[in-house]
C-alpha atoms as a PDB file:
ATOM      1  CA  MET A   1     127.165  -5.727-132.185  1.00  0.00           C
ATOM      2  CA  GLN A   2     125.759  -4.245-129.033  1.00  0.00           C
ATOM      3  CA  ASN A   3     124.261  -1.379-131.013  1.00  0.00           C
ATOM      4  CA  LYS A   4     122.392  -3.755-133.295  1.00  0.00           C
ATOM      5  CA  ASN A   5     120.801  -5.554-130.387  1.00  0.00           C
ATOM      6  CA  THR A   6     119.750  -2.279-128.855  1.00  0.00           C
ATOM      7  CA  LEU A   7     118.177  -1.155-132.130  1.00  0.00           C
ATOM      8  CA  LYS A   8     116.235  -4.375-132.446  1.00  0.00           C
ATOM      9  CA  GLY A   9     114.883  -3.954-128.916  1.00  0.00           C
ATOM     10  CA  LEU A  10     113.676  -0.435-129.644  1.00  0.00           C
ATOM     11  CA  LEU A  11     111.979  -1.556-132.825  1.00  0.00           C
ATOM     12  CA  ALA A  12     110.192  -4.330-130.966  1.00  0.00           C
ATOM     13  CA  VAL A  13     108.987  -1.962-128.249  1.00  0.00           C
ATOM     14  CA  SER A  14     107.717   0.510-130.879  1.00  0.00           C
ATOM     15  CA  ALA A  15     105.795  -2.217-132.672  1.00  0.00           C
ATOM     16  CA  VAL A  16     104.111  -3.342-129.469  1.00  0.00           C
ATOM     17  CA  ALA A  17     103.192   0.235-128.568  1.00  0.00           C
ATOM     18  CA  ALA A  18     101.752   0.828-132.023  1.00  0.00           C
ATOM     19  CA  MET A  19      99.691  -2.356-131.738  1.00  0.00           C
ATOM     20  CA  PHE A  20      98.198  -1.316-128.401  1.00  0.00           C
ATOM     21  CA  ALA A  21      97.417   2.135-129.755  1.00  0.00           C
ATOM     22  CA  THR A  22      95.544   0.619-132.708  1.00  0.00           C
ATOM     23  CA  VAL A  23      93.581  -1.685-130.411  1.00  0.00           C
ATOM     24  CA  GLY A  24      92.608   1.310-128.245  1.00  0.00           C
ATOM     25  CA  VAL A  25      91.363   3.300-131.220  1.00  0.00           C
ATOM     26  CA  HIS A  26      89.209   0.364-132.382  1.00  0.00           C
ATOM     27  CA  ALA A  27      87.799  -0.019-128.908  1.00  0.00           C
ATOM     28  CA  GLN A  28      86.810   3.642-128.718  1.00  0.00           C
ATOM     29  CA  THR A  29      85.268   3.554-132.182  1.00  0.00           C
ATOM     30  CA  ALA A  30      83.175   0.562-131.249  1.00  0.00           C
ATOM     31  CA  ALA A  31      82.020   2.221-128.041  1.00  0.00           C
ATOM     32  CA  VAL A  32      81.038   5.379-129.852  1.00  0.00           C
ATOM     33  CA  SER A  33      79.131   3.482-132.568  1.00  0.00           C
ATOM     34  CA  GLN A  34      77.285   1.381-129.995  1.00  0.00           C
ATOM     35  CA  THR A  35      76.153   4.325-127.844  1.00  0.00           C
ATOM     36  CA  PRO A  36      73.798   6.032-130.381  1.00  0.00           C
ATOM     37  CA  SER A  37      72.338   2.675-131.350  1.00  0.00           C
ATOM     38  CA  GLN A  38      71.577   1.742-127.776  1.00  0.00           C
ATOM     39  CA  THR A  39      70.182   5.165-127.068  1.00  0.00           C
ATOM     40  CA  GLY A  40      68.017   5.107-130.176  1.00  0.00           C
ATOM     41  CA  THR A  41      66.805   1.638-129.389  1.00  0.00           C
ATOM     42  CA  SER A  42      65.848   2.459-125.823  1.00  0.00           C
ATOM     43  CA  SER A  43      64.236   5.696-126.947  1.00  0.00           C
ATOM     44  CA  THR A  44      62.209   4.129-129.755  1.00  0.00           C
ATOM     45  CA  PRO A  45      60.619   1.385-127.667  1.00  0.00           C
ATOM     46  CA  GLY A  46      59.816   3.950-125.020  1.00  0.00           C
ATOM     47  CA  LYS A  47      57.895   6.032-127.510  1.00  0.00           C
ATOM     48  CA  GLN A  48      56.186   2.972-128.987  1.00  0.00           C
ATOM     49  CA  ASN A  49      55.182   1.722-125.568  1.00  0.00           C
ATOM     50  CA  THR A  50      53.850   5.115-124.580  1.00  0.00           C
ATOM     51  CA  SER A  51      52.029   5.513-127.895  1.00  0.00           C
ATOM     52  CA  GLY A  52      50.677   1.982-127.754  1.00  0.00           C
ATOM     53  CA  LYS A  53      49.491   2.404-124.216  1.00  0.00           C
ATOM     54  CA  THR A  54      47.722   5.650-125.084  1.00  0.00           C
ATOM     55  CA  THR A  55      46.060   4.069-128.087  1.00  0.00           C
ATOM     56  CA  ARG A  56      44.879   1.048-126.127  1.00  0.00           C
ATOM     57  CA  GLU A  57      43.581   3.141-123.291  1.00  0.00           C
ATOM     58  CA  GLY A  58      41.716   5.336-125.757  1.00  0.00           C
ATOM     59  CA  THR A  59      40.194   2.325-127.430  1.00  0.00           C
ATOM     60  CA  ILE A  60      39.077   0.826-124.157  1.00  0.00           C
ATOM     61  CA  ASP A  61      37.639   4.110-122.943  1.00  0.00           C
ATOM     62  CA  ASN A  62      35.779   4.950-126.150  1.00  0.00           C
ATOM     63  CA  THR A  63      34.507   1.551-127.256  1.00  0.00           C
ATOM     64  CA  ASN A  64      34.422  -0.930-124.430  1.00  0.00           C
ATOM     65  CA  SER A  65      33.628   1.309-121.513  1.00  0.00           C
ATOM     66  CA  THR A  66      31.608   4.318-122.652  1.00  0.00           C
ATOM     67  CA  GLY A  67      29.985   2.575-125.625  1.00  0.00           C
ATOM     68  CA  MET A  68      28.913  -0.433-123.614  1.00  0.00           C
ATOM     69  CA  GLU A  69      27.521   1.765-120.863  1.00  0.00           C
ATOM     70  CA  ASN A  70      25.435   3.734-123.360  1.00  0.00           C
ATOM     71  CA  ARG A  71      24.134   0.597-125.027  1.00  0.00           C
ATOM     72  CA  SER A  72      23.348  -0.949-121.650  1.00  0.00           C
ATOM     73  CA  LYS A  73      21.392   2.148-120.642  1.00  0.00           C
ATOM     74  CA  GLN A  74      19.483   2.169-123.954  1.00  0.00           C
ATOM     75  CA  ALA A  75      18.701  -1.554-123.683  1.00  0.00           C
ATOM     76  CA  GLY A  76      17.546  -1.088-120.115  1.00  0.00           C
ATOM     77  CA  ALA A  77      15.302   1.826-121.083  1.00  0.00           C
ATOM     78  CA  ALA A  78      13.813  -0.156-123.994  1.00  0.00           C
ATOM     79  CA  GLY A  79      13.178  -3.123-121.715  1.00  0.00           C
ATOM     80  CA  MET A  80      11.392  -0.953-119.187  1.00  0.00           C
ATOM     81  CA  ALA A  81       9.294   0.634-121.960  1.00  0.00           C
ATOM     82  CA  ASN A  82       8.277  -2.799-123.280  1.00  0.00           C
ATOM     83  CA  LYS A  83       7.448  -3.972-119.758  1.00  0.00           C
ATOM     84  CA  ASN A  84       5.295  -0.916-119.149  1.00  0.00           C
ATOM     85  CA  ALA A  85       3.524  -1.370-122.495  1.00  0.00           C
ATOM     86  CA  THR A  86       2.852  -5.036-121.703  1.00  0.00           C
ATOM     87  CA  SER A  87       1.487  -4.131-118.298  1.00  0.00           C
ATOM     88  CA  SER A  88      -0.727  -1.481-119.868  1.00  0.00           C
ATOM     89  CA  MET A  89      -2.064  -3.951-122.434  1.00  0.00           C
ATOM     90  CA  GLY A  90      -2.687  -6.496-119.703  1.00  0.00           C
ATOM     91  CA  ALA A  91      -4.635  -3.959-117.700  1.00  0.00           C
ATOM     92  CA  SER A  92      -6.632  -2.963-120.770  1.00  0.00           C
ATOM     93  CA  GLY A  93      -7.392  -6.605-121.572  1.00  0.00           C
ATOM     94  CA  ALA A  94      -8.486  -7.201-118.001  1.00  0.00           C
ATOM     95  CA  GLY A  95     -10.817  -4.222-118.239  1.00  0.00           C
ATOM     96  CA  GLN A  96     -12.310  -5.501-121.484  1.00  0.00           C
ATOM     97  CA  SER A  97     -12.727  -8.965-119.969  1.00  0.00           C
ATOM     98  CA  ALA A  98     -14.522  -7.506-116.977  1.00  0.00           C
ATOM     99  CA  ALA A  99     -16.773  -5.490-119.284  1.00  0.00           C
ATOM    100  CA  GLY A 100     -17.541  -8.625-121.312  1.00  0.00           C
ATOM    101  CA  THR A 101     -18.446 -10.522-118.157  1.00  0.00           C
ATOM    102  CA  ALA A 102     -20.801  -7.745-117.105  1.00  0.00           C
ATOM    103  CA  THR A 103     -22.406  -7.702-120.561  1.00  0.00           C
ATOM    104  CA  GLY A 104     -22.815 -11.479-120.538  1.00  0.00           C
ATOM    105  CA  ALA A 105     -25.082 -11.492-117.467  1.00  0.00           C
ATOM    106  CA  LYS A 106     -27.697 -14.261-117.375  1.00  0.00           C
ATOM    107  CA  LEU A 107     -31.033 -13.416-118.977  1.00  0.00           C
ATOM    108  CA  SER A 108     -34.374 -13.636-117.277  1.00  0.00           C
ATOM    109  CA  THR A 109     -36.743 -16.464-118.173  1.00  0.00           C
ATOM    110  CA  GLY A 110     -38.919 -14.066-120.167  1.00  0.00           C
ATOM    111  CA  ASP A 111     -35.981 -12.755-122.214  1.00  0.00           C
ATOM    112  CA  GLU A 112     -34.802 -16.302-122.894  1.00  0.00           C
ATOM    113  CA  LYS A 113     -38.269 -17.178-124.229  1.00  0.00           C
ATOM    114  CA  ILE A 114     -38.202 -14.149-126.524  1.00  0.00           C
ATOM    115  CA  LEU A 115     -34.936 -15.327-128.081  1.00  0.00           C
ATOM    116  CA  LYS A 116     -36.227 -18.902-128.457  1.00  0.00           C
ATOM    117  CA  ASP A 117     -39.470 -17.723-130.120  1.00  0.00           C
ATOM    118  CA  MET A 118     -37.496 -15.541-132.527  1.00  0.00           C
ATOM    119  CA  ALA A 119     -35.212 -18.423-133.422  1.00  0.00           C
ATOM    120  CA  MET A 120     -38.201 -20.722-134.034  1.00  0.00           C
ATOM    121  CA  ALA A 121     -39.954 -18.184-136.273  1.00  0.00           C
ATOM    122  CA  ASN A 122     -36.779 -17.551-138.281  1.00  0.00           C
ATOM    123  CA  MET A 123     -36.173 -21.260-138.873  1.00  0.00           C
ATOM    124  CA  ALA A 124     -39.772 -21.787-140.003  1.00  0.00           C
ATOM    125  CA  GLU A 125     -39.558 -18.935-142.535  1.00  0.00           C
ATOM    126  CA  VAL A 126     -36.200 -20.124-143.902  1.00  0.00           C
ATOM    127  CA  GLU A 127     -37.452 -23.702-144.348  1.00  0.00           C
ATOM    128  CA  GLY A 128     -40.677 -22.502-145.947  1.00  0.00           C
ATOM    129  CA  GLY A 129     -38.761 -20.237-148.322  1.00  0.00           C
ATOM    130  CA  LYS A 130     -36.507 -23.095-149.429  1.00  0.00           C
ATOM    131  CA  LEU A 131     -39.538 -25.264-150.079  1.00  0.00           C
ATOM    132  CA  ALA A 132     -41.160 -22.497-152.161  1.00  0.00           C
ATOM    133  CA  GLN A 133     -37.978 -22.086-154.192  1.00  0.00           C
ATOM    134  CA  SER A 134     -38.083 -25.739-155.208  1.00  0.00           C
ATOM    135  CA  LYS A 135     -41.863 -26.158-155.747  1.00  0.00           C
ATOM    136  CA  SER A 136     -43.341 -22.792-156.812  1.00  0.00           C
ATOM    137  CA  GLN A 137     -43.921 -21.972-160.487  1.00  0.00           C
ATOM    138  CA  SER A 138     -44.465 -18.262-159.836  1.00  0.00           C
ATOM    139  CA  SER A 139     -41.562 -15.813-160.165  1.00  0.00           C
ATOM    140  CA  GLU A 140     -43.261 -13.522-157.637  1.00  0.00           C
ATOM    141  CA  VAL A 141     -43.565 -16.284-155.069  1.00  0.00           C
ATOM    142  CA  LYS A 142     -39.961 -17.348-155.641  1.00  0.00           C
ATOM    143  CA  ALA A 143     -38.753 -13.763-155.217  1.00  0.00           C
ATOM    144  CA  PHE A 144     -40.705 -13.456-151.966  1.00  0.00           C
ATOM    145  CA  ALA A 145     -39.365 -16.818-150.793  1.00  0.00           C
ATOM    146  CA  GLN A 146     -35.776 -15.743-151.493  1.00  0.00           C
ATOM    147  CA  GLN A 147     -36.264 -12.596-149.457  1.00  0.00           C
ATOM    148  CA  MET A 148     -37.565 -14.734-146.585  1.00  0.00           C
ATOM    149  CA  ILE A 149     -34.461 -16.926-146.789  1.00  0.00           C
ATOM    150  CA  ASP A 150     -32.049 -13.979-146.825  1.00  0.00           C
ATOM    151  CA  ASP A 151     -33.687 -11.793-144.170  1.00  0.00           C
ATOM    152  CA  HIS A 152     -34.590 -14.529-141.709  1.00  0.00           C
ATOM    153  CA  THR A 153     -31.192 -16.229-142.022  1.00  0.00           C
ATOM    154  CA  ALA A 154     -29.501 -12.947-141.149  1.00  0.00           C
ATOM    155  CA  ASN A 155     -31.824 -12.391-138.203  1.00  0.00           C
ATOM    156  CA  LEU A 156     -31.384 -15.971-137.004  1.00  0.00           C
ATOM    157  CA  ASN A 157     -27.600 -15.459-136.939  1.00  0.00           C
ATOM    158  CA  GLU A 158     -28.033 -12.377-134.754  1.00  0.00           C
ATOM    159  CA  VAL A 159     -30.320 -14.268-132.385  1.00  0.00           C
ATOM    160  CA  LYS A 160     -27.784 -17.121-132.181  1.00  0.00           C
ATOM    161  CA  ALA A 161     -24.908 -14.741-131.432  1.00  0.00           C
ATOM    162  CA  LEU A 162     -26.768 -13.059-128.585  1.00  0.00           C
ATOM    163  CA  ALA A 163     -27.989 -16.378-127.190  1.00  0.00           C
ATOM    164  CA  GLN A 164     -24.454 -17.809-127.243  1.00  0.00           C
ATOM    165  CA  ALA A 165     -23.092 -14.737-125.455  1.00  0.00           C
ATOM    166  CA  ARG A 166     -25.720 -15.155-122.726  1.00  0.00           C
ATOM    167  CA  GLY A 167     -25.599 -18.927-122.425  1.00  0.00           C
ATOM    168  CA  VAL A 168     -29.081 -19.560-123.860  1.00  0.00           C
ATOM    169  CA  THR A 169     -29.707 -22.863-125.651  1.00  0.00           C
ATOM    170  CA  LEU A 170     -31.908 -22.337-128.711  1.00  0.00           C
ATOM    171  CA  PRO A 171     -34.112 -24.873-130.518  1.00  0.00           C
ATOM    172  CA  THR A 172     -32.442 -26.471-133.517  1.00  0.00           C
ATOM    173  CA  GLU A 173     -35.573 -27.153-135.639  1.00  0.00           C
ATOM    174  CA  PRO A 174     -39.093 -25.753-136.171  1.00  0.00           C
ATOM    175  CA  ASP A 175     -41.858 -26.729-133.760  1.00  0.00           C
ATOM    176  CA  ALA A 176     -44.515 -29.387-134.425  1.00  0.00           C
ATOM    177  CA  LYS A 177     -46.992 -26.876-135.866  1.00  0.00           C
ATOM    178  CA  HIS A 178     -44.586 -25.665-138.551  1.00  0.00           C
ATOM    179  CA  LYS A 179     -43.389 -29.189-139.304  1.00  0.00           C
ATOM    180  CA  ALA A 180     -46.998 -30.211-139.980  1.00  0.00           C
ATOM    181  CA  MET A 181     -47.503 -27.202-142.252  1.00  0.00           C
ATOM    182  CA  ALA A 182     -44.318 -28.042-144.178  1.00  0.00           C
ATOM    183  CA  ALA A 183     -45.450 -31.626-144.647  1.00  0.00           C
ATOM    184  CA  LYS A 184     -48.792 -30.391-145.998  1.00  0.00           C
ATOM    185  CA  LEU A 185     -47.120 -27.970-148.448  1.00  0.00           C
ATOM    186  CA  GLU A 186     -44.742 -30.690-149.582  1.00  0.00           C
ATOM    187  CA  LYS A 187     -47.681 -32.630-151.054  1.00  0.00           C
ATOM    188  CA  MET A 188     -48.949 -29.615-153.054  1.00  0.00           C
ATOM    189  CA  SER A 189     -47.826 -28.176-156.364  1.00  0.00           C
ATOM    190  CA  GLY A 190     -48.674 -25.396-158.848  1.00  0.00           C
ATOM    191  CA  ASP A 191     -51.178 -22.703-157.903  1.00  0.00           C
ATOM    192  CA  ALA A 192     -52.411 -24.690-154.926  1.00  0.00           C
ATOM    193  CA  PHE A 193     -48.929 -24.622-153.412  1.00  0.00           C
ATOM    194  CA  ASP A 194     -48.428 -20.899-154.105  1.00  0.00           C
ATOM    195  CA  LYS A 195     -51.752 -19.957-152.511  1.00  0.00           C
ATOM    196  CA  ALA A 196     -51.213 -22.142-149.450  1.00  0.00           C
ATOM    197  CA  TYR A 197     -47.620 -20.953-148.974  1.00  0.00           C
ATOM    198  CA  MET A 198     -48.494 -17.262-149.236  1.00  0.00           C
ATOM    199  CA  LYS A 199     -51.501 -17.686-146.938  1.00  0.00           C
ATOM    200  CA  GLN A 200     -49.666 -19.627-144.230  1.00  0.00           C
ATOM    201  CA  ALA A 201     -45.997 -18.588-144.339  1.00  0.00           C
ATOM    202  CA  GLY A 202     -46.577 -15.223-145.965  1.00  0.00           C
ATOM    203  CA  VAL A 203     -49.536 -13.751-144.111  1.00  0.00           C
ATOM    204  CA  GLN A 204     -50.590 -15.787-141.079  1.00  0.00           C
ATOM    205  CA  ASP A 205     -47.104 -16.547-139.732  1.00  0.00           C
ATOM    206  CA  HIS A 206     -45.893 -12.986-140.167  1.00  0.00           C
ATOM    207  CA  LYS A 207     -48.990 -11.619-138.424  1.00  0.00           C
ATOM    208  CA  ALA A 208     -48.373 -13.910-135.462  1.00  0.00           C
ATOM    209  CA  VAL A 209     -44.653 -13.130-135.302  1.00  0.00           C
ATOM    210  CA  HIS A 210     -45.242  -9.381-135.598  1.00  0.00           C
ATOM    211  CA  ALA A 211     -47.708  -9.448-132.701  1.00  0.00           C
ATOM    212  CA  LYS A 212     -45.208 -11.347-130.544  1.00  0.00           C
ATOM    213  CA  LEU A 213     -42.430  -8.862-131.352  1.00  0.00           C
ATOM    214  CA  MET A 214     -44.623  -5.898-130.406  1.00  0.00           C
ATOM    215  CA  ALA A 215     -45.363  -7.523-127.047  1.00  0.00           C
ATOM    216  CA  ALA A 216     -41.720  -8.567-126.543  1.00  0.00           C
ATOM    217  CA  SER A 217     -40.539  -4.985-127.058  1.00  0.00           C
ATOM    218  CA  LYS A 218     -42.555  -3.960-123.991  1.00  0.00           C
ATOM    219  CA  LYS A 219     -41.673  -6.994-121.853  1.00  0.00           C
ATOM    220  CA  ALA A 220     -37.937  -7.362-122.587  1.00  0.00           C
ATOM    221  CA  LYS A 221     -35.777  -6.455-119.604  1.00  0.00           C
ATOM    222  CA  ASP A 222     -32.339  -6.860-121.148  1.00  0.00           C
ATOM    223  CA  PRO A 223     -31.334  -3.860-123.329  1.00  0.00           C
ATOM    224  CA  GLU A 224     -29.643  -6.035-125.969  1.00  0.00           C
ATOM    225  CA  VAL A 225     -32.655  -8.327-126.285  1.00  0.00           C
ATOM    226  CA  LYS A 226     -34.961  -5.329-126.613  1.00  0.00           C
ATOM    227  CA  ALA A 227     -32.668  -3.734-129.213  1.00  0.00           C
ATOM    228  CA  LEU A 228     -32.740  -6.917-131.324  1.00  0.00           C
ATOM    229  CA  VAL A 229     -36.528  -7.150-131.047  1.00  0.00           C
ATOM    230  CA  ASP A 230     -36.952  -3.523-132.101  1.00  0.00           C
ATOM    231  CA  LYS A 231     -34.601  -4.094-135.032  1.00  0.00           C
ATOM    232  CA  THR A 232     -36.522  -7.177-136.205  1.00  0.00           C
ATOM    233  CA  GLU A 233     -40.069  -5.788-135.874  1.00  0.00           C
ATOM    234  CA  PRO A 234     -40.011  -3.416-138.909  1.00  0.00           C
ATOM    235  CA  VAL A 235     -38.499  -6.145-141.105  1.00  0.00           C
ATOM    236  CA  VAL A 236     -41.324  -8.547-140.234  1.00  0.00           C
ATOM    237  CA  ALA A 237     -43.870  -5.752-140.767  1.00  0.00           C
ATOM    238  CA  GLN A 238     -42.485  -5.192-144.265  1.00  0.00           C
ATOM    239  CA  HIS A 239     -42.684  -8.928-145.012  1.00  0.00           C
ATOM    240  CA  LEU A 240     -46.328  -8.997-143.912  1.00  0.00           C
ATOM    241  CA  LYS A 241     -47.207  -6.006-146.064  1.00  0.00           C
ATOM    242  CA  SER A 242     -45.532  -7.548-149.130  1.00  0.00           C
ATOM    243  CA  ALA A 243     -47.330 -10.856-148.599  1.00  0.00           C
ATOM    244  CA  GLU A 244     -50.728  -9.226-148.199  1.00  0.00           C
ATOM    245  CA  GLN A 245     -50.307  -7.358-151.485  1.00  0.00           C
ATOM    246  CA  MET A 246     -49.612 -10.470-153.552  1.00  0.00           C
ATOM    247  CA  PRO A 247     -52.583 -11.879-155.575  1.00  0.00           C
ATOM    248  CA  MET A 248     -51.856 -15.435-154.432  1.00  0.00           C
ATOM    249  CA  ALA A 249     -52.236 -14.480-150.792  1.00  0.00           C
ATOM    250  CA  LYS A 250     -55.529 -12.715-151.440  1.00  0.00           C
ATOM    251  CA  ALA A 251     -56.862 -15.619-153.477  1.00  0.00           C
ATOM    252  CA  GLY A 252     -55.722 -18.051-150.868  1.00  0.00           C
ATOM    253  CA  THR A 253     -57.352 -16.079-148.090  1.00  0.00           C
ATOM    254  CA  THR A 254     -60.616 -15.876-150.018  1.00  0.00           C
ATOM    255  CA  SER A 255     -60.687 -19.574-150.777  1.00  0.00           C
ATOM    256  CA  GLY A 256     -59.760 -20.326-147.199  1.00  0.00           C
ATOM    257  CA  LYS A 257     -62.866 -18.519-145.840  1.00  0.00           C
END
């Protein structure tokens, strides 16, 4: 009986010892399995953090810092270039303005009169030419009248441009003498009109205007006024020559004597 109790006690002790041994083995196994995982985990984030930091630093250095600095320098250089160009253009414009002011100096009384006389003569020839176009029955007279309209309109525009640049106010209509002549021609027709027109507007007016231009060329003080006079004189001389060669002008002159 005593032996049986002793045997039972030994068996119980052995079972407890075996249980503790099993628990210890499991504990060691768990510790070993956890160690590589923890090590791997701590190692992996370390590498990712280091790699991520390097990548971000590289991005900042290459794009945000260096790139922005280069673009800022280029933008600054372009702005300075534009500013310099604008200043240069402003200086050039100021120079041109000063030159224009010098060119637009006020004319003398004599030069103003030259421009006004030229404007008056041009208007008279244009109006007379228009009248001849509507009343003449001669193709030669109409051709001459058209030339008067074209040439004297062009010359009148040049006179107006120069007068405007110099602040000269020109007459806006022919003088009383030419108005009276126009009224007289208006009442005529046929051959009578052609002869009177060629005698007055063709020959007599061009003779008077040519003489004034020759005198104006010597008296003009302003170089631009003189240049315009010298440009107009040969045109008027050609008109006079053409008028004198036309049969109507000769007939009119003869009958007028």
